[in-house]
Amino acid sequence: MKKRFTMLLTLVFIIMLSTPALAATGDIVDIASGDENFSILVTALQEAELVGALQGEGPFTVFAPTNDAFAALLEALDITAADLLAQPDLADVLLYHVVSGKIMSTDLTDDMMATTLQGESLTINLDDGVMVNSSKVTTADIEATNGVIHVIDAVLVPESFVLEDIMDMPEVTDMPNTGGESLYTPMIWIGILLAITLLIRKRLLA
């Protein structure tokens, strides 16, 4: 029985090896848009106007955080998704997940440094699965026509990122109304000076 089971496993393994891999049917944005687990990522790419860039020829390697990864980040930062999408450095955060070239999981080496399109580098660690900085690759080698996607369980945040408090950023309606005050004050002094001048002329003519 044990021998039959071993032979069956060997046969399945041989069939898997002999079956050609499915050809990529879409670019990186197409694949991400077709998976509801990446809906926040896709929305962020649209907000940062990076969709066109990631639909380019590439090739690109994208470490793609899931919705759960974004939810964990929002909870840690105590902000809403709207706050995140309104961050001035949103594009930099997203580009920190993108490396030029197509890097498959078999190309990764321990302590490998990968320079991102944002400019800072990611550190690859293979001690416990595949780790990208402190994020773990949960699904590797999702091939696209212009690169490859590796799914990660946490959002990568560059060291240079500074969280802006969107609620405290002044809007036009919140700006102090100094225009009226700067016009009103000189008019008061003009009136006072005019009254004094008239009083002096009246006394001189008396």
Protein backbone atom coordinates (compact mmCIF):
# COMPACT_ATOMS: atom_id res chain seq x y z
CA MET A 1 0.00 0.00 0.00
CA LYS A 2 2.78 2.38 0.95
CA LYS A 3 4.64 1.49 -2.26
CA ARG A 4 1.58 2.26 -4.36
CA PHE A 5 1.09 5.61 -2.64
CA THR A 6 4.74 6.54 -3.32
CA MET A 7 4.41 5.56 -6.96
CA LEU A 8 1.19 7.63 -7.24
CA LEU A 9 2.92 10.71 -5.79
CA THR A 10 5.82 10.25 -8.19
CA LEU A 11 3.43 9.97 -11.14
CA VAL A 12 1.57 13.17 -10.10
CA PHE A 13 4.88 15.01 -9.73
CA ILE A 14 6.02 13.89 -13.22
CA ILE A 15 2.70 15.04 -14.73
CA MET A 16 3.03 18.44 -13.04
CA LEU A 17 6.52 18.86 -14.43
CA SER A 18 5.47 17.88 -17.93
CA THR A 19 2.45 20.20 -17.99
CA PRO A 20 3.36 23.52 -19.61
CA ALA A 21 2.77 26.61 -17.49
CA LEU A 22 -0.18 28.74 -18.50
CA ALA A 23 0.86 31.79 -20.46
CA ALA A 24 0.29 35.16 -18.82
CA THR A 25 -2.94 36.67 -20.13
CA GLY A 26 -2.73 40.23 -18.85
CA ASP A 27 -0.39 42.91 -17.58
CA ILE A 28 0.26 43.56 -13.91
CA VAL A 29 -2.66 45.97 -13.55
CA ASP A 30 -5.02 43.57 -15.35
CA ILE A 31 -4.14 40.74 -12.99
CA ALA A 32 -4.44 42.91 -9.88
CA SER A 33 -7.75 44.37 -11.07
CA GLY A 34 -9.12 40.89 -11.63
CA ASP A 35 -8.49 39.84 -8.03
CA GLU A 36 -10.73 41.36 -5.35
CA ASN A 37 -7.97 40.85 -2.77
CA PHE A 38 -6.08 43.70 -4.46
CA SER A 39 -8.94 46.21 -4.69
CA ILE A 40 -7.30 48.69 -2.27
CA LEU A 41 -3.98 48.39 -4.11
CA VAL A 42 -5.67 49.06 -7.45
CA THR A 43 -7.54 52.07 -6.02
CA ALA A 44 -4.27 53.41 -4.64
CA LEU A 45 -2.57 52.98 -8.02
CA GLN A 46 -5.40 54.89 -9.66
CA GLU A 47 -5.24 57.67 -7.06
CA ALA A 48 -1.46 57.98 -7.46
CA GLU A 49 -1.79 57.91 -11.27
CA LEU A 50 0.54 54.91 -11.60
CA VAL A 51 -1.77 52.62 -13.57
CA GLY A 52 -0.35 53.68 -16.91
CA ALA A 53 3.22 53.18 -15.71
CA LEU A 54 2.55 49.61 -14.57
CA GLN A 55 0.81 48.84 -17.84
CA GLY A 56 4.02 49.72 -19.65
CA GLU A 57 6.42 47.31 -21.27
CA GLY A 58 8.49 46.76 -18.14
CA PRO A 59 9.34 44.20 -17.09
CA PHE A 60 8.48 44.88 -13.45
CA THR A 61 8.52 42.87 -10.25
CA VAL A 62 5.69 43.92 -7.94
CA PHE A 63 5.41 42.90 -4.29
CA ALA A 64 1.67 43.28 -3.96
CA PRO A 65 -0.01 43.77 -0.56
CA THR A 66 -3.49 42.33 -0.13
CA ASN A 67 -6.50 44.16 1.29
CA ASP A 68 -5.80 42.51 4.65
CA ALA A 69 -2.27 43.92 4.54
CA PHE A 70 -3.63 47.42 3.94
CA ALA A 71 -6.23 46.95 6.70
CA ALA A 72 -3.45 46.07 9.15
CA LEU A 73 -1.51 49.19 8.13
CA LEU A 74 -4.56 51.44 8.54
CA GLU A 75 -5.17 50.02 12.00
CA ALA A 76 -1.53 50.45 13.01
CA LEU A 77 -1.49 54.07 11.81
CA ASP A 78 -5.01 54.73 13.15
CA ILE A 79 -6.14 56.26 9.85
CA THR A 80 -8.83 55.55 7.26
CA ALA A 81 -8.37 54.36 3.70
CA ALA A 82 -9.32 57.87 2.56
CA ASP A 83 -6.53 59.32 4.72
CA LEU A 84 -4.04 56.92 3.14
CA LEU A 85 -5.15 57.72 -0.39
CA ALA A 86 -4.80 61.44 0.36
CA GLN A 87 -1.17 61.14 1.49
CA PRO A 88 1.16 63.36 -0.58
CA ASP A 89 3.75 60.54 -0.67
CA LEU A 90 1.30 57.81 -1.74
CA ALA A 91 3.08 57.30 -5.08
CA ASP A 92 6.43 56.85 -3.31
CA VAL A 93 4.95 54.19 -1.01
CA LEU A 94 3.55 52.28 -3.99
CA LEU A 95 6.76 52.55 -6.03
CA TYR A 96 8.59 51.12 -3.00
CA HIS A 97 6.83 47.86 -3.92
CA VAL A 98 8.12 47.83 -7.51
CA VAL A 99 11.52 46.65 -8.77
CA SER A 100 12.71 46.99 -12.35
CA GLY A 101 13.15 43.64 -14.11
CA LYS A 102 11.39 40.31 -13.79
CA ILE A 103 12.62 38.59 -10.62
CA MET A 104 11.18 35.13 -10.09
CA SER A 105 11.27 33.43 -6.71
CA THR A 106 14.11 31.20 -7.93
CA ASP A 107 16.18 34.34 -8.59
CA LEU A 108 15.96 35.48 -4.98
CA THR A 109 18.94 34.93 -2.70
CA ASP A 110 19.43 35.39 1.02
CA ASP A 111 20.35 38.97 2.03
CA MET A 112 19.70 40.13 -1.52
CA MET A 113 19.16 43.88 -1.90
CA ALA A 114 16.66 45.01 -4.52
CA THR A 115 16.49 48.68 -5.48
CA THR A 116 12.91 49.86 -5.96
CA LEU A 117 11.58 52.44 -8.38
CA GLN A 118 11.09 54.70 -5.36
CA GLY A 119 14.85 54.72 -4.86
CA GLU A 120 15.25 52.87 -1.57
CA SER A 121 16.14 49.18 -1.37
CA LEU A 122 14.33 46.09 -0.14
CA THR A 123 16.11 43.32 1.77
CA ILE A 124 15.31 39.69 0.93
CA ASN A 125 15.64 37.07 3.65
CA LEU A 126 15.15 33.34 3.09
CA ASP A 127 15.52 32.02 6.65
CA ASP A 128 11.78 31.55 7.15
CA GLY A 129 10.19 31.36 3.74
CA VAL A 130 10.67 34.44 1.58
CA MET A 131 10.70 37.68 3.54
CA VAL A 132 10.81 41.12 1.94
CA ASN A 133 11.86 43.44 4.74
CA SER A 134 9.34 42.37 7.39
CA SER A 135 6.68 41.21 4.92
CA LYS A 136 6.23 37.57 3.98
CA VAL A 137 5.63 36.37 0.44
CA THR A 138 2.46 34.28 0.61
CA THR A 139 2.10 33.58 -3.12
CA ALA A 140 5.00 33.81 -5.57
CA ASP A 141 5.50 33.97 -9.31
CA ILE A 142 2.17 35.24 -10.63
CA GLU A 143 3.35 35.99 -14.13
CA ALA A 144 2.08 38.89 -16.21
CA THR A 145 2.83 39.96 -19.75
CA ASN A 146 5.06 42.73 -18.39
CA GLY A 147 6.53 41.15 -15.28
CA VAL A 148 5.67 39.17 -12.20
CA ILE A 149 3.70 39.64 -8.99
CA HIS A 150 4.63 38.28 -5.57
CA VAL A 151 1.83 38.58 -2.99
CA ILE A 152 2.91 39.86 0.45
CA ASP A 153 1.12 39.98 3.79
CA ALA A 154 2.14 43.49 4.88
CA VAL A 155 2.51 46.87 3.23
CA LEU A 156 6.12 47.94 2.70
CA VAL A 157 6.75 51.44 4.08
CA PRO A 158 9.92 53.30 3.04
CA GLU A 159 12.03 54.87 5.77
CA SER A 160 11.56 58.29 4.20
CA PHE A 161 7.76 58.16 4.51
CA VAL A 162 6.23 60.74 6.86
CA LEU A 163 2.55 60.38 7.69
CA GLU A 164 0.68 63.63 7.10
CA ASP A 165 -2.28 64.35 9.37
CA ILE A 166 -4.89 65.01 6.73
CA MET A 167 -7.41 66.31 9.28
CA ASP A 168 -5.00 69.08 10.34
CA MET A 169 -4.11 70.19 6.82
CA PRO A 170 -5.81 73.60 6.36
CA GLU A 171 -8.45 73.90 3.70
CA VAL A 172 -9.31 77.10 1.90
CA THR A 173 -12.38 77.61 4.10
CA ASP A 174 -10.30 77.10 7.23
CA MET A 175 -7.70 79.71 6.37
CA PRO A 176 -7.73 82.78 8.64
CA ASN A 177 -9.43 85.74 6.97
CA THR A 178 -6.56 88.22 7.11
CA GLY A 179 -7.52 89.93 3.85
CA GLY A 180 -10.43 91.86 5.38
CA GLU A 181 -8.43 92.79 8.46
CA SER A 182 -5.45 94.14 6.47
CA LEU A 183 -7.84 96.37 4.47
CA TYR A 184 -9.97 97.44 7.40
CA THR A 185 -7.16 98.57 9.71
CA PRO A 186 -5.57 101.17 7.34
CA MET A 187 -9.02 102.66 6.69
CA ILE A 188 -9.48 103.28 10.40
CA TRP A 189 -6.17 105.14 10.59
CA ILE A 190 -7.02 107.16 7.47
CA GLY A 191 -10.28 108.23 9.09
CA ILE A 192 -8.52 109.21 12.32
CA LEU A 193 -5.87 111.22 10.47
CA LEU A 194 -8.53 112.96 8.40
CA ALA A 195 -10.48 113.94 11.50
CA ILE A 196 -7.34 115.32 13.17
CA THR A 197 -6.45 117.29 10.03
CA LEU A 198 -9.91 118.84 9.87
CA LEU A 199 -9.77 119.70 13.57
CA ILE A 200 -6.40 121.43 13.17
CA ARG A 201 -7.61 123.42 10.13
CA LYS A 202 -10.72 124.48 12.03
CA ARG A 203 -8.66 125.83 14.93
CA LEU A 204 -6.27 127.67 12.61
CA LEU A 205 -9.16 129.39 10.86
CA ALA A 206 -10.89 130.35 14.13
